[in-house]
Amino acid sequence: MADTESEDGVRRRDFIHIAAVGTAGVGGVFVVLPLVSQMAPSADVLAESSTEIDVSAIEPGQTVKAIFRKQPLFVRRLTPEEIVEAGETPIADLRDPETLDDRTKEGHRDMLITMGVCTHLGCVPQGAAEGEVKGEYGGYFCPCHGSHYDTAGRIRKGPAPTNLVVPEYAFTSDTIVTVG
């Protein structure tokens, strides 16, 4: 009979141990879950995570400014002459070598979408609006420190280290672009 009591005692002790560990585990989940969920992006951040732009009204040679993640976004429809000029620029002449095909989507080579933020110190380059200084290469000019970008948004002169950033984007139709 002593053997059955010790077996019952061990079994009760095991049950108490398992119940305590299980309770601690459930309590841990209730503590960790709110901490992890508070790190998720808020609704306003999710709303700004992508932007849709209708490009049907943009004329060749025209640039439209939009906002993407609280920063300026330049959407430019290149003219046939600008496309040829960008293609003829020797890659060796570029500080940050990228072709126009690297910076645009297949089938939409005339649409260049870049962030409107100079890669030097974050100023907003001019050249997107009518009458603004476009720089020596006909693209964009950063008035803060004198960086010049060509029509493909590639750095050509000045202190900026890299080309204007091309964000992730996709054409959802022939006239609608989703950035982000």
N, C-alpha and C. Protein backbone atom coordinates (compact mmCIF):
# COMPACT_ATOMS: atom_id res chain seq x y z
N MET A 1 0.80 -1.18 0.00
CA MET A 1 0.00 0.00 0.00
C MET A 1 0.86 1.27 0.00
N ALA A 2 2.01 1.18 0.56
CA ALA A 2 2.92 2.32 0.59
C ALA A 2 3.35 2.68 -0.83
N ASP A 3 3.49 1.65 -1.66
CA ASP A 3 3.90 1.91 -3.04
C ASP A 3 2.83 2.71 -3.79
N THR A 4 1.56 2.39 -3.57
CA THR A 4 0.50 3.13 -4.25
C THR A 4 0.39 4.54 -3.73
N GLU A 5 0.65 4.77 -2.46
CA GLU A 5 0.60 6.13 -1.94
C GLU A 5 1.72 6.98 -2.53
N SER A 6 2.91 6.41 -2.66
CA SER A 6 4.00 7.19 -3.24
C SER A 6 3.75 7.46 -4.72
N GLU A 7 3.16 6.47 -5.39
CA GLU A 7 2.82 6.71 -6.79
C GLU A 7 1.75 7.79 -6.90
N ASP A 8 0.75 7.77 -6.01
CA ASP A 8 -0.28 8.81 -6.00
C ASP A 8 0.34 10.14 -5.66
N GLY A 9 1.27 10.19 -4.72
CA GLY A 9 1.93 11.44 -4.33
C GLY A 9 2.73 12.03 -5.48
N VAL A 10 3.42 11.21 -6.19
CA VAL A 10 4.21 11.67 -7.33
C VAL A 10 3.27 12.17 -8.42
N ARG A 11 2.21 11.48 -8.60
CA ARG A 11 1.26 11.91 -9.62
C ARG A 11 0.64 13.25 -9.26
N ARG A 12 0.28 13.44 -8.00
CA ARG A 12 -0.28 14.72 -7.58
C ARG A 12 0.76 15.83 -7.73
N ARG A 13 1.99 15.54 -7.38
CA ARG A 13 3.06 16.53 -7.48
C ARG A 13 3.29 16.89 -8.95
N ASP A 14 3.26 15.90 -9.83
CA ASP A 14 3.41 16.16 -11.26
C ASP A 14 2.28 17.03 -11.78
N PHE A 15 1.06 16.74 -11.34
CA PHE A 15 -0.08 17.54 -11.78
C PHE A 15 0.06 18.99 -11.31
N ILE A 16 0.47 19.20 -10.08
CA ILE A 16 0.65 20.57 -9.57
C ILE A 16 1.75 21.28 -10.35
N HIS A 17 2.83 20.57 -10.64
CA HIS A 17 3.94 21.17 -11.39
C HIS A 17 3.47 21.57 -12.80
N ILE A 18 2.78 20.68 -13.48
CA ILE A 18 2.28 20.97 -14.83
C ILE A 18 1.27 22.12 -14.80
N ALA A 19 0.40 22.14 -13.81
CA ALA A 19 -0.59 23.21 -13.69
C ALA A 19 0.10 24.56 -13.45
N ALA A 20 1.15 24.57 -12.64
CA ALA A 20 1.86 25.83 -12.35
C ALA A 20 2.59 26.34 -13.59
N VAL A 21 3.25 25.44 -14.30
CA VAL A 21 3.95 25.85 -15.53
C VAL A 21 2.95 26.32 -16.59
N GLY A 22 1.84 25.64 -16.72
CA GLY A 22 0.81 26.04 -17.67
C GLY A 22 0.23 27.41 -17.35
N THR A 23 -0.02 27.66 -16.06
CA THR A 23 -0.54 28.96 -15.64
C THR A 23 0.48 30.06 -15.91
N ALA A 24 1.75 29.78 -15.64
CA ALA A 24 2.79 30.77 -15.91
C ALA A 24 2.90 31.05 -17.41
N GLY A 25 2.76 30.00 -18.23
CA GLY A 25 2.82 30.18 -19.68
C GLY A 25 1.68 31.04 -20.20
N VAL A 26 0.46 30.79 -19.70
CA VAL A 26 -0.69 31.60 -20.11
C VAL A 26 -0.52 33.03 -19.64
N GLY A 27 -0.03 33.19 -18.42
CA GLY A 27 0.22 34.54 -17.91
C GLY A 27 1.27 35.27 -18.73
N GLY A 28 2.31 34.54 -19.17
CA GLY A 28 3.35 35.13 -20.02
C GLY A 28 2.79 35.61 -21.34
N VAL A 29 1.89 34.83 -21.91
CA VAL A 29 1.26 35.23 -23.18
C VAL A 29 0.46 36.51 -22.99
N PHE A 30 -0.27 36.61 -21.88
CA PHE A 30 -1.06 37.82 -21.62
C PHE A 30 -0.18 39.04 -21.38
N VAL A 31 1.04 38.84 -20.94
CA VAL A 31 1.97 39.96 -20.74
C VAL A 31 2.64 40.34 -22.06
N VAL A 32 3.08 39.35 -22.84
CA VAL A 32 3.85 39.60 -24.06
C VAL A 32 2.95 40.06 -25.21
N LEU A 33 1.76 39.55 -25.33
CA LEU A 33 0.88 39.89 -26.45
C LEU A 33 0.63 41.40 -26.58
N PRO A 34 0.27 42.11 -25.53
CA PRO A 34 0.10 43.57 -25.68
C PRO A 34 1.40 44.29 -26.05
N LEU A 35 2.52 43.81 -25.54
CA LEU A 35 3.80 44.44 -25.87
C LEU A 35 4.12 44.29 -27.35
N VAL A 36 3.87 43.11 -27.89
CA VAL A 36 4.14 42.87 -29.30
C VAL A 36 3.14 43.61 -30.18
N SER A 37 1.87 43.61 -29.82
CA SER A 37 0.86 44.26 -30.65
C SER A 37 1.01 45.78 -30.67
N GLN A 38 1.55 46.37 -29.63
CA GLN A 38 1.74 47.82 -29.64
C GLN A 38 2.85 48.25 -30.59
N MET A 39 3.68 47.29 -31.01
CA MET A 39 4.74 47.61 -31.98
C MET A 39 4.25 47.58 -33.41
N ALA A 40 3.06 47.13 -33.66
CA ALA A 40 2.49 47.10 -35.01
C ALA A 40 2.20 48.52 -35.48
N PRO A 41 2.28 48.78 -36.78
CA PRO A 41 2.00 50.12 -37.27
C PRO A 41 0.56 50.53 -37.02
N SER A 42 0.36 51.81 -36.72
CA SER A 42 -0.98 52.32 -36.46
C SER A 42 -1.74 52.49 -37.78
N ALA A 43 -3.01 52.75 -37.68
CA ALA A 43 -3.87 52.87 -38.87
C ALA A 43 -3.43 54.01 -39.78
N ASP A 44 -3.01 55.14 -39.20
CA ASP A 44 -2.58 56.26 -40.05
C ASP A 44 -1.30 55.93 -40.80
N VAL A 45 -0.41 55.17 -40.19
CA VAL A 45 0.82 54.76 -40.87
C VAL A 45 0.50 53.78 -41.99
N LEU A 46 -0.38 52.83 -41.74
CA LEU A 46 -0.77 51.88 -42.78
C LEU A 46 -1.45 52.59 -43.95
N ALA A 47 -2.21 53.63 -43.66
CA ALA A 47 -2.90 54.37 -44.72
C ALA A 47 -1.90 55.07 -45.63
N GLU A 48 -0.75 55.48 -45.09
CA GLU A 48 0.25 56.17 -45.88
C GLU A 48 1.30 55.23 -46.47
N SER A 49 1.14 53.95 -46.28
CA SER A 49 2.16 53.01 -46.74
C SER A 49 2.17 52.83 -48.25
N SER A 50 1.09 53.20 -48.91
CA SER A 50 1.06 53.15 -50.37
C SER A 50 0.23 54.32 -50.90
N THR A 51 0.52 54.69 -52.13
CA THR A 51 -0.16 55.81 -52.78
C THR A 51 -0.51 55.41 -54.20
N GLU A 52 -1.72 55.72 -54.62
CA GLU A 52 -2.12 55.48 -56.00
C GLU A 52 -2.11 56.80 -56.75
N ILE A 53 -1.56 56.77 -57.97
CA ILE A 53 -1.45 57.99 -58.77
C ILE A 53 -2.00 57.69 -60.17
N ASP A 54 -2.87 58.57 -60.65
CA ASP A 54 -3.39 58.47 -62.01
C ASP A 54 -2.43 59.25 -62.91
N VAL A 55 -1.76 58.56 -63.82
CA VAL A 55 -0.76 59.20 -64.67
C VAL A 55 -1.30 59.54 -66.06
N SER A 56 -2.59 59.34 -66.27
CA SER A 56 -3.16 59.55 -67.61
C SER A 56 -3.11 61.01 -68.05
N ALA A 57 -3.15 61.95 -67.12
CA ALA A 57 -3.19 63.37 -67.48
C ALA A 57 -1.80 64.01 -67.57
N ILE A 58 -0.75 63.26 -67.29
CA ILE A 58 0.60 63.82 -67.33
C ILE A 58 1.08 63.86 -68.78
N GLU A 59 1.42 65.04 -69.24
CA GLU A 59 1.89 65.24 -70.62
C GLU A 59 3.38 64.94 -70.71
N PRO A 60 3.88 64.58 -71.90
CA PRO A 60 5.32 64.37 -72.06
C PRO A 60 6.10 65.63 -71.67
N GLY A 61 7.14 65.44 -70.87
CA GLY A 61 7.95 66.56 -70.37
C GLY A 61 7.43 67.16 -69.07
N GLN A 62 6.29 66.70 -68.61
CA GLN A 62 5.68 67.25 -67.40
C GLN A 62 5.99 66.37 -66.20
N THR A 63 6.17 67.02 -65.05
CA THR A 63 6.38 66.32 -63.79
C THR A 63 5.27 66.70 -62.82
N VAL A 64 4.76 65.71 -62.12
CA VAL A 64 3.71 65.92 -61.12
C VAL A 64 4.31 65.58 -59.77
N LYS A 65 4.00 66.41 -58.77
CA LYS A 65 4.43 66.13 -57.41
C LYS A 65 3.30 65.45 -56.65
N ALA A 66 3.65 64.44 -55.89
CA ALA A 66 2.70 63.75 -55.02
C ALA A 66 3.38 63.58 -53.67
N ILE A 67 2.66 63.03 -52.72
CA ILE A 67 3.22 62.76 -51.39
C ILE A 67 3.18 61.25 -51.16
N PHE A 68 4.32 60.72 -50.72
CA PHE A 68 4.43 59.30 -50.39
C PHE A 68 5.20 59.20 -49.09
N ARG A 69 4.55 58.66 -48.06
CA ARG A 69 5.14 58.53 -46.73
C ARG A 69 5.69 59.85 -46.21
N LYS A 70 4.88 60.89 -46.39
CA LYS A 70 5.16 62.24 -45.93
C LYS A 70 6.39 62.86 -46.57
N GLN A 71 6.76 62.36 -47.75
CA GLN A 71 7.86 62.93 -48.51
C GLN A 71 7.41 63.19 -49.94
N PRO A 72 8.04 64.17 -50.61
CA PRO A 72 7.64 64.45 -51.99
C PRO A 72 8.02 63.32 -52.93
N LEU A 73 7.16 63.11 -53.91
CA LEU A 73 7.36 62.08 -54.93
C LEU A 73 7.22 62.77 -56.28
N PHE A 74 8.19 62.56 -57.18
CA PHE A 74 8.13 63.14 -58.51
C PHE A 74 7.73 62.06 -59.51
N VAL A 75 6.68 62.34 -60.28
CA VAL A 75 6.23 61.44 -61.35
C VAL A 75 6.40 62.21 -62.65
N ARG A 76 7.33 61.75 -63.49
CA ARG A 76 7.68 62.48 -64.70
C ARG A 76 7.44 61.61 -65.93
N ARG A 77 6.74 62.19 -66.91
CA ARG A 77 6.58 61.51 -68.21
C ARG A 77 7.67 62.09 -69.11
N LEU A 78 8.60 61.23 -69.48
CA LEU A 78 9.72 61.65 -70.31
C LEU A 78 9.29 61.83 -71.76
N THR A 79 9.91 62.80 -72.43
CA THR A 79 9.67 62.99 -73.85
C THR A 79 10.53 61.98 -74.61
N PRO A 80 10.21 61.70 -75.87
CA PRO A 80 11.07 60.80 -76.65
C PRO A 80 12.52 61.28 -76.72
N GLU A 81 12.71 62.60 -76.78
CA GLU A 81 14.07 63.16 -76.82
C GLU A 81 14.81 62.89 -75.50
N GLU A 82 14.11 63.02 -74.37
CA GLU A 82 14.73 62.76 -73.07
C GLU A 82 15.10 61.29 -72.93
N ILE A 83 14.28 60.40 -73.46
CA ILE A 83 14.57 58.97 -73.41
C ILE A 83 15.83 58.66 -74.22
N VAL A 84 15.94 59.25 -75.43
CA VAL A 84 17.12 59.04 -76.26
C VAL A 84 18.35 59.61 -75.57
N GLU A 85 18.23 60.82 -75.04
CA GLU A 85 19.37 61.47 -74.35
C GLU A 85 19.83 60.64 -73.16
N ALA A 86 18.90 60.12 -72.38
CA ALA A 86 19.26 59.29 -71.22
C ALA A 86 19.94 58.01 -71.67
N GLY A 87 19.51 57.46 -72.79
CA GLY A 87 20.11 56.23 -73.29
C GLY A 87 21.50 56.45 -73.88
N GLU A 88 21.75 57.65 -74.38
CA GLU A 88 23.05 57.96 -75.00
C GLU A 88 24.10 58.39 -73.98
N THR A 89 23.69 58.68 -72.76
CA THR A 89 24.65 59.10 -71.73
C THR A 89 25.56 57.93 -71.39
N PRO A 90 26.88 58.11 -71.55
CA PRO A 90 27.80 57.01 -71.21
C PRO A 90 27.74 56.69 -69.72
N ILE A 91 27.63 55.41 -69.40
CA ILE A 91 27.55 54.97 -68.00
C ILE A 91 28.80 55.40 -67.24
N ALA A 92 29.93 55.46 -67.91
CA ALA A 92 31.18 55.85 -67.26
C ALA A 92 31.14 57.30 -66.77
N ASP A 93 30.27 58.13 -67.36
CA ASP A 93 30.16 59.53 -66.94
C ASP A 93 29.31 59.71 -65.68
N LEU A 94 28.66 58.63 -65.23
CA LEU A 94 27.73 58.73 -64.11
C LEU A 94 28.40 58.33 -62.79
N ARG A 95 28.17 59.11 -61.77
CA ARG A 95 28.69 58.80 -60.44
C ARG A 95 28.04 57.56 -59.86
N ASP A 96 26.73 57.43 -60.06
CA ASP A 96 25.97 56.27 -59.60
C ASP A 96 25.38 55.62 -60.86
N PRO A 97 26.14 54.71 -61.50
CA PRO A 97 25.75 54.22 -62.83
C PRO A 97 24.46 53.40 -62.84
N GLU A 98 23.44 53.95 -63.48
CA GLU A 98 22.17 53.27 -63.72
C GLU A 98 21.66 53.72 -65.07
N THR A 99 21.12 52.77 -65.84
CA THR A 99 20.51 53.13 -67.11
C THR A 99 19.06 53.54 -66.86
N LEU A 100 18.45 54.11 -67.88
CA LEU A 100 17.04 54.47 -67.76
C LEU A 100 16.19 53.23 -67.57
N ASP A 101 16.58 52.13 -68.20
CA ASP A 101 15.83 50.87 -68.04
C ASP A 101 15.89 50.36 -66.60
N ASP A 102 17.00 50.63 -65.90
CA ASP A 102 17.12 50.24 -64.49
C ASP A 102 16.16 51.04 -63.61
N ARG A 103 15.80 52.23 -64.06
CA ARG A 103 15.04 53.15 -63.23
C ARG A 103 13.56 53.21 -63.59
N THR A 104 13.16 52.53 -64.66
CA THR A 104 11.76 52.53 -65.09
C THR A 104 11.28 51.09 -65.24
N LYS A 105 9.98 50.93 -65.42
CA LYS A 105 9.38 49.60 -65.61
C LYS A 105 9.26 49.29 -67.09
N GLU A 106 9.40 48.02 -67.42
CA GLU A 106 9.26 47.57 -68.80
C GLU A 106 7.85 47.90 -69.31
N GLY A 107 7.80 48.45 -70.50
CA GLY A 107 6.53 48.84 -71.09
C GLY A 107 6.09 50.24 -70.69
N HIS A 108 6.76 50.82 -69.72
CA HIS A 108 6.45 52.18 -69.26
C HIS A 108 7.75 52.97 -69.13
N ARG A 109 8.57 52.87 -70.16
CA ARG A 109 9.89 53.51 -70.12
C ARG A 109 9.79 55.03 -70.05
N ASP A 110 8.65 55.57 -70.45
CA ASP A 110 8.49 57.02 -70.43
C ASP A 110 8.07 57.56 -69.07
N MET A 111 7.77 56.69 -68.10
CA MET A 111 7.33 57.13 -66.78
C MET A 111 8.45 56.92 -65.76
N LEU A 112 8.97 58.02 -65.24
CA LEU A 112 10.02 57.96 -64.22
C LEU A 112 9.43 58.40 -62.89
N ILE A 113 9.53 57.54 -61.90
CA ILE A 113 8.98 57.83 -60.57
C ILE A 113 10.14 57.81 -59.58
N THR A 114 10.39 58.95 -58.94
CA THR A 114 11.48 59.06 -57.97
C THR A 114 11.00 59.81 -56.73
N MET A 115 11.70 59.58 -55.64
CA MET A 115 11.45 60.37 -54.44
C MET A 115 12.00 61.76 -54.71
N GLY A 116 11.31 62.78 -54.28
CA GLY A 116 11.73 64.16 -54.49
C GLY A 116 12.59 64.66 -53.34
N VAL A 117 13.60 63.87 -52.99
CA VAL A 117 14.47 64.21 -51.87
C VAL A 117 15.92 64.05 -52.34
N CYS A 118 16.70 65.13 -52.24
CA CYS A 118 18.10 65.08 -52.63
C CYS A 118 18.84 64.08 -51.75
N THR A 119 19.69 63.29 -52.36
CA THR A 119 20.41 62.26 -51.62
C THR A 119 21.61 62.81 -50.86
N HIS A 120 21.84 64.11 -50.94
CA HIS A 120 22.94 64.70 -50.18
C HIS A 120 22.52 64.95 -48.74
N LEU A 121 21.60 65.87 -48.53
CA LEU A 121 21.16 66.19 -47.16
C LEU A 121 19.64 66.28 -47.03
N GLY A 122 18.90 65.79 -48.01
CA GLY A 122 17.46 65.69 -47.86
C GLY A 122 16.64 66.89 -48.25
N CYS A 123 17.21 67.83 -48.98
CA CYS A 123 16.42 68.97 -49.48
C CYS A 123 15.53 68.51 -50.63
N VAL A 124 14.57 69.34 -51.00
CA VAL A 124 13.68 69.02 -52.12
C VAL A 124 14.22 69.72 -53.36
N PRO A 125 14.63 68.96 -54.37
CA PRO A 125 15.15 69.57 -55.59
C PRO A 125 14.07 70.33 -56.36
N GLN A 126 14.51 71.32 -57.12
CA GLN A 126 13.61 72.06 -58.00
C GLN A 126 13.63 71.41 -59.37
N GLY A 127 12.65 71.76 -60.18
CA GLY A 127 12.59 71.26 -61.54
C GLY A 127 11.32 70.51 -61.84
N ALA A 128 10.53 70.25 -60.81
CA ALA A 128 9.28 69.52 -61.02
C ALA A 128 8.16 70.45 -61.47
N ALA A 129 8.14 71.65 -60.97
CA ALA A 129 7.07 72.60 -61.31
C ALA A 129 7.49 73.49 -62.48
N GLU A 130 6.50 74.04 -63.13
CA GLU A 130 6.73 74.95 -64.25
C GLU A 130 7.51 76.17 -63.78
N GLY A 131 8.56 76.52 -64.50
CA GLY A 131 9.34 77.71 -64.19
C GLY A 131 10.44 77.51 -63.16
N GLU A 132 10.55 76.33 -62.58
CA GLU A 132 11.63 76.08 -61.61
C GLU A 132 12.94 75.78 -62.34
N VAL A 133 14.05 76.04 -61.67
CA VAL A 133 15.37 75.76 -62.23
C VAL A 133 15.53 74.25 -62.36
N LYS A 134 15.91 73.80 -63.54
CA LYS A 134 16.05 72.37 -63.80
C LYS A 134 17.50 71.90 -63.77
N GLY A 135 18.44 72.80 -63.57
CA GLY A 135 19.85 72.42 -63.52
C GLY A 135 20.47 72.31 -64.89
N GLU A 136 21.76 72.01 -64.91
CA GLU A 136 22.52 71.96 -66.16
C GLU A 136 22.12 70.81 -67.08
N TYR A 137 21.47 69.79 -66.54
CA TYR A 137 21.16 68.60 -67.33
C TYR A 137 19.66 68.46 -67.60
N GLY A 138 18.89 69.50 -67.32
CA GLY A 138 17.47 69.53 -67.66
C GLY A 138 16.56 68.70 -66.78
N GLY A 139 17.07 68.20 -65.66
CA GLY A 139 16.26 67.36 -64.79
C GLY A 139 15.84 68.11 -63.54
N TYR A 140 16.65 67.96 -62.49
CA TYR A 140 16.35 68.58 -61.21
C TYR A 140 17.59 69.27 -60.67
N PHE A 141 17.38 70.32 -59.87
CA PHE A 141 18.47 71.07 -59.27
C PHE A 141 18.17 71.25 -57.79
N CYS A 142 19.11 70.86 -56.94
CA CYS A 142 18.92 71.05 -55.50
C CYS A 142 19.54 72.39 -55.10
N PRO A 143 18.73 73.35 -54.68
CA PRO A 143 19.24 74.68 -54.36
C PRO A 143 20.05 74.74 -53.06
N CYS A 144 19.96 73.73 -52.22
CA CYS A 144 20.66 73.76 -50.94
C CYS A 144 22.18 73.72 -51.11
N HIS A 145 22.67 72.79 -51.93
CA HIS A 145 24.11 72.63 -52.07
C HIS A 145 24.55 72.45 -53.52
N GLY A 146 23.63 72.61 -54.47
CA GLY A 146 23.99 72.66 -55.88
C GLY A 146 24.11 71.34 -56.61
N SER A 147 23.39 70.31 -56.21
CA SER A 147 23.42 69.05 -56.94
C SER A 147 22.55 69.16 -58.19
N HIS A 148 23.07 68.63 -59.30
CA HIS A 148 22.36 68.64 -60.58
C HIS A 148 22.03 67.20 -60.97
N TYR A 149 20.78 66.95 -61.31
CA TYR A 149 20.31 65.63 -61.75
C TYR A 149 19.84 65.75 -63.19
N ASP A 150 20.02 64.69 -63.97
CA ASP A 150 19.53 64.72 -65.35
C ASP A 150 18.05 64.35 -65.39
N THR A 151 17.50 64.23 -66.58
CA THR A 151 16.05 63.96 -66.72
C THR A 151 15.67 62.58 -66.21
N ALA A 152 16.65 61.69 -66.05
CA ALA A 152 16.38 60.36 -65.51
C ALA A 152 16.61 60.32 -63.99
N GLY A 153 16.82 61.49 -63.36
CA GLY A 153 17.01 61.56 -61.92
C GLY A 153 18.36 61.05 -61.46
N ARG A 154 19.34 61.01 -62.38
CA ARG A 154 20.67 60.53 -62.03
C ARG A 154 21.57 61.70 -61.67
N ILE A 155 22.37 61.56 -60.63
CA ILE A 155 23.25 62.64 -60.19
C ILE A 155 24.34 62.83 -61.25
N ARG A 156 24.54 64.10 -61.62
CA ARG A 156 25.53 64.42 -62.64
C ARG A 156 26.59 65.37 -62.12
N LYS A 157 26.22 66.23 -61.14
CA LYS A 157 27.16 67.23 -60.65
C LYS A 157 26.73 67.65 -59.26
N GLY A 158 27.68 67.94 -58.39
CA GLY A 158 27.37 68.41 -57.05
C GLY A 158 27.69 67.37 -56.00
N PRO A 159 27.35 67.67 -54.75
CA PRO A 159 27.75 66.80 -53.64
C PRO A 159 26.89 65.56 -53.40
N ALA A 160 25.75 65.45 -54.04
CA ALA A 160 24.89 64.28 -53.80
C ALA A 160 25.63 63.00 -54.20
N PRO A 161 25.62 61.98 -53.34
CA PRO A 161 26.38 60.77 -53.64
C PRO A 161 25.69 59.79 -54.58
N THR A 162 24.35 59.79 -54.60
CA THR A 162 23.62 58.81 -55.40
C THR A 162 22.47 59.47 -56.17
N ASN A 163 21.89 58.70 -57.07
CA ASN A 163 20.74 59.15 -57.85
C ASN A 163 19.53 59.35 -56.95
N LEU A 164 18.53 60.08 -57.46
CA LEU A 164 17.27 60.17 -56.73
C LEU A 164 16.71 58.76 -56.58
N VAL A 165 16.17 58.46 -55.42
CA VAL A 165 15.71 57.11 -55.10
C VAL A 165 14.43 56.78 -55.88
N VAL A 166 14.42 55.60 -56.48
CA VAL A 166 13.23 55.09 -57.15
C VAL A 166 12.54 54.15 -56.15
N PRO A 167 11.35 54.52 -55.66
CA PRO A 167 10.66 53.65 -54.70
C PRO A 167 10.07 52.43 -55.39
N GLU A 168 9.64 51.46 -54.60
CA GLU A 168 8.93 50.32 -55.18
C GLU A 168 7.59 50.81 -55.71
N TYR A 169 7.28 50.41 -56.93
CA TYR A 169 5.99 50.78 -57.51
C TYR A 169 5.60 49.77 -58.56
N ALA A 170 4.32 49.76 -58.90
CA ALA A 170 3.81 48.85 -59.92
C ALA A 170 2.65 49.53 -60.63
N PHE A 171 2.53 49.25 -61.92
CA PHE A 171 1.39 49.73 -62.69
C PHE A 171 0.26 48.74 -62.50
N THR A 172 -0.83 49.19 -61.88
CA THR A 172 -1.99 48.32 -61.70
C THR A 172 -2.88 48.33 -62.94
N SER A 173 -2.72 49.37 -63.75
CA SER A 173 -3.36 49.44 -65.06
C SER A 173 -2.46 50.32 -65.93
N ASP A 174 -2.89 50.65 -67.13
CA ASP A 174 -2.07 51.51 -68.00
C ASP A 174 -1.98 52.93 -67.48
N THR A 175 -2.93 53.32 -66.62
CA THR A 175 -2.97 54.71 -66.16
C THR A 175 -2.81 54.88 -64.65
N ILE A 176 -2.81 53.80 -63.89
CA ILE A 176 -2.73 53.88 -62.43
C ILE A 176 -1.43 53.23 -61.94
N VAL A 177 -0.71 53.98 -61.12
CA VAL A 177 0.52 53.49 -60.51
C VAL A 177 0.30 53.42 -59.00
N THR A 178 0.68 52.30 -58.40
CA THR A 178 0.64 52.16 -56.95
C THR A 178 2.08 52.17 -56.44
N VAL A 179 2.39 53.18 -55.64
CA VAL A 179 3.73 53.33 -55.08
C VAL A 179 3.69 52.79 -53.65
N GLY A 180 4.62 51.92 -53.34
CA GLY A 180 4.71 51.37 -51.99
C GLY A 180 4.32 49.94 -51.89
